[in-house]
Structure formats: C-alpha cells, structure tokens
Amino acid sequence: MTAAPSASLAMSWRPVLARGVVLRRDPVRDADLLLLPERVVVLDGSAGGVLRLCDGVRDVAAVVAELAVRHPAAPVAAEVAEFLGRLRKEGWLR
C-alpha cells in the first residue's frame, strides 16, 4: 500500500519556526516555551525536543526517524507528524 499524496507531502516538508517565533528553555518553570508576538506558549512533555529538530534542513521523515531512535517504544510517526501539522496550522511553523 502506498501513502496518500498529502501524507508523502507532509513527510517531505522541512519544518522550521516561523518568523517571530522563538523556542526558549525557562529554567524557573523547568519548561520549554514558544515566544510569540504578544503571547507565550508553555510546551508540555517532549514538544520542545521535537521542535529543536525542526531546523529547516530535516524533513518530517528525518525528524520522525531521529525521535524513533531516541524513543523506540513511542508511536512517534503518527504523533509527531500530527503535532507538527497542528503547529503549522497555527502559523508557528513554516
């Protein structure tokens, strides 16, 4: 079975933080933050680690592959692609 065209396009997308969006570590909260114009988003769990791999060089498939090595028991393929897609819709990734 082959992947749907939109799925293959999503996996070949090279995500990077949108202009004006900054990823920072807050040592006081011990949390990763997305700093947006006039807004701060506190990231849960491993979201910051996923976003650190979004450098505009790696495509989604490479991000998923790297995370699969780091977390072999986790269902990263579906969850990471969905997470990145949601952030793209919000305009936080391009």
Protein backbone atom coordinates (compact mmCIF):
# COMPACT_ATOMS: atom_id res chain seq x y z
CA MET A 1 0.00 0.00 0.00
CA THR A 2 1.34 3.47 -0.83
CA ALA A 3 0.91 6.60 1.23
CA ALA A 4 -1.66 9.17 0.25
CA PRO A 5 -0.21 12.13 -1.67
CA SER A 6 -0.86 14.51 1.22
CA ALA A 7 0.91 12.15 3.63
CA SER A 8 4.02 11.99 1.47
CA LEU A 9 3.99 15.78 1.06
CA ALA A 10 3.70 16.18 4.83
CA MET A 11 6.68 13.87 5.39
CA SER A 12 8.82 15.78 2.89
CA TRP A 13 8.04 19.20 4.44
CA ARG A 14 11.07 20.76 6.16
CA PRO A 15 9.59 22.47 9.23
CA VAL A 16 11.23 25.50 10.80
CA LEU A 17 9.95 28.01 13.34
CA ALA A 18 8.04 30.85 11.73
CA ARG A 19 9.44 34.34 11.71
CA GLY A 20 8.95 35.95 15.11
CA VAL A 21 8.63 32.61 16.94
CA VAL A 22 11.41 31.69 19.37
CA LEU A 23 11.93 28.47 21.32
CA ARG A 24 13.42 29.03 24.77
CA ARG A 25 14.05 26.97 27.88
CA ASP A 26 12.69 28.54 31.08
CA PRO A 27 14.82 27.27 33.97
CA VAL A 28 12.42 28.70 36.57
CA ARG A 29 9.46 26.73 35.22
CA ASP A 30 11.70 23.89 34.02
CA ALA A 31 9.76 24.02 30.77
CA ASP A 32 10.22 24.86 27.11
CA LEU A 33 8.42 27.94 25.86
CA LEU A 34 7.42 29.24 22.46
CA LEU A 35 7.72 33.01 22.49
CA LEU A 36 5.27 34.52 20.03
CA PRO A 37 4.37 38.12 19.36
CA GLU A 38 2.34 39.13 22.44
CA ARG A 39 1.96 35.52 23.60
CA VAL A 40 3.89 32.77 25.39
CA VAL A 41 3.06 29.08 24.97
CA VAL A 42 4.32 26.65 27.62
CA LEU A 43 5.15 23.36 25.90
CA ASP A 44 4.35 20.03 27.52
CA GLY A 45 6.45 16.89 27.62
CA SER A 46 8.84 16.37 24.73
CA ALA A 47 7.38 19.09 22.48
CA GLY A 48 10.47 21.28 22.87
CA GLY A 49 12.73 18.39 21.92
CA VAL A 50 10.68 17.80 18.79
CA LEU A 51 10.81 21.48 17.84
CA ARG A 52 14.59 21.63 18.34
CA LEU A 53 14.85 19.16 15.45
CA CYS A 54 12.80 21.46 13.20
CA ASP A 55 15.71 23.34 11.68
CA GLY A 56 14.51 23.73 8.09
CA VAL A 57 17.12 21.19 6.97
CA ARG A 58 15.49 17.99 8.24
CA ASP A 59 12.21 16.96 6.70
CA VAL A 60 9.43 15.48 8.85
CA ALA A 61 10.57 11.95 7.96
CA ALA A 62 14.07 12.73 9.30
CA VAL A 63 12.63 14.25 12.49
CA VAL A 64 10.49 11.15 12.99
CA ALA A 65 13.46 8.86 12.31
CA GLU A 66 15.63 10.69 14.86
CA LEU A 67 12.90 10.54 17.50
CA ALA A 68 12.23 6.86 16.78
CA VAL A 69 15.89 6.13 17.62
CA ARG A 70 15.66 8.16 20.83
CA HIS A 71 12.28 6.72 21.86
CA PRO A 72 11.93 3.27 20.24
CA ALA A 73 8.75 2.29 22.09
CA ALA A 74 6.85 5.51 21.32
CA PRO A 75 4.44 5.87 18.35
CA VAL A 76 6.36 8.86 17.01
CA ALA A 77 5.48 8.51 13.31
CA ALA A 78 1.82 9.41 13.67
CA GLU A 79 2.05 11.67 16.73
CA VAL A 80 4.95 13.85 15.58
CA ALA A 81 3.53 14.45 12.10
CA GLU A 82 0.16 15.38 13.62
CA PHE A 83 1.79 17.68 16.21
CA LEU A 84 3.86 19.49 13.60
CA GLY A 85 0.82 19.83 11.34
CA ARG A 86 -1.15 21.49 14.16
CA LEU A 87 1.68 23.95 14.81
CA ARG A 88 1.87 24.71 11.11
CA LYS A 89 -1.86 25.49 11.04
CA GLU A 90 -1.36 27.84 14.00
CA GLY A 91 1.31 29.63 11.95
CA TRP A 92 4.11 28.79 14.39
CA LEU A 93 5.99 26.65 11.85
CA ARG A 94 6.58 27.25 8.19
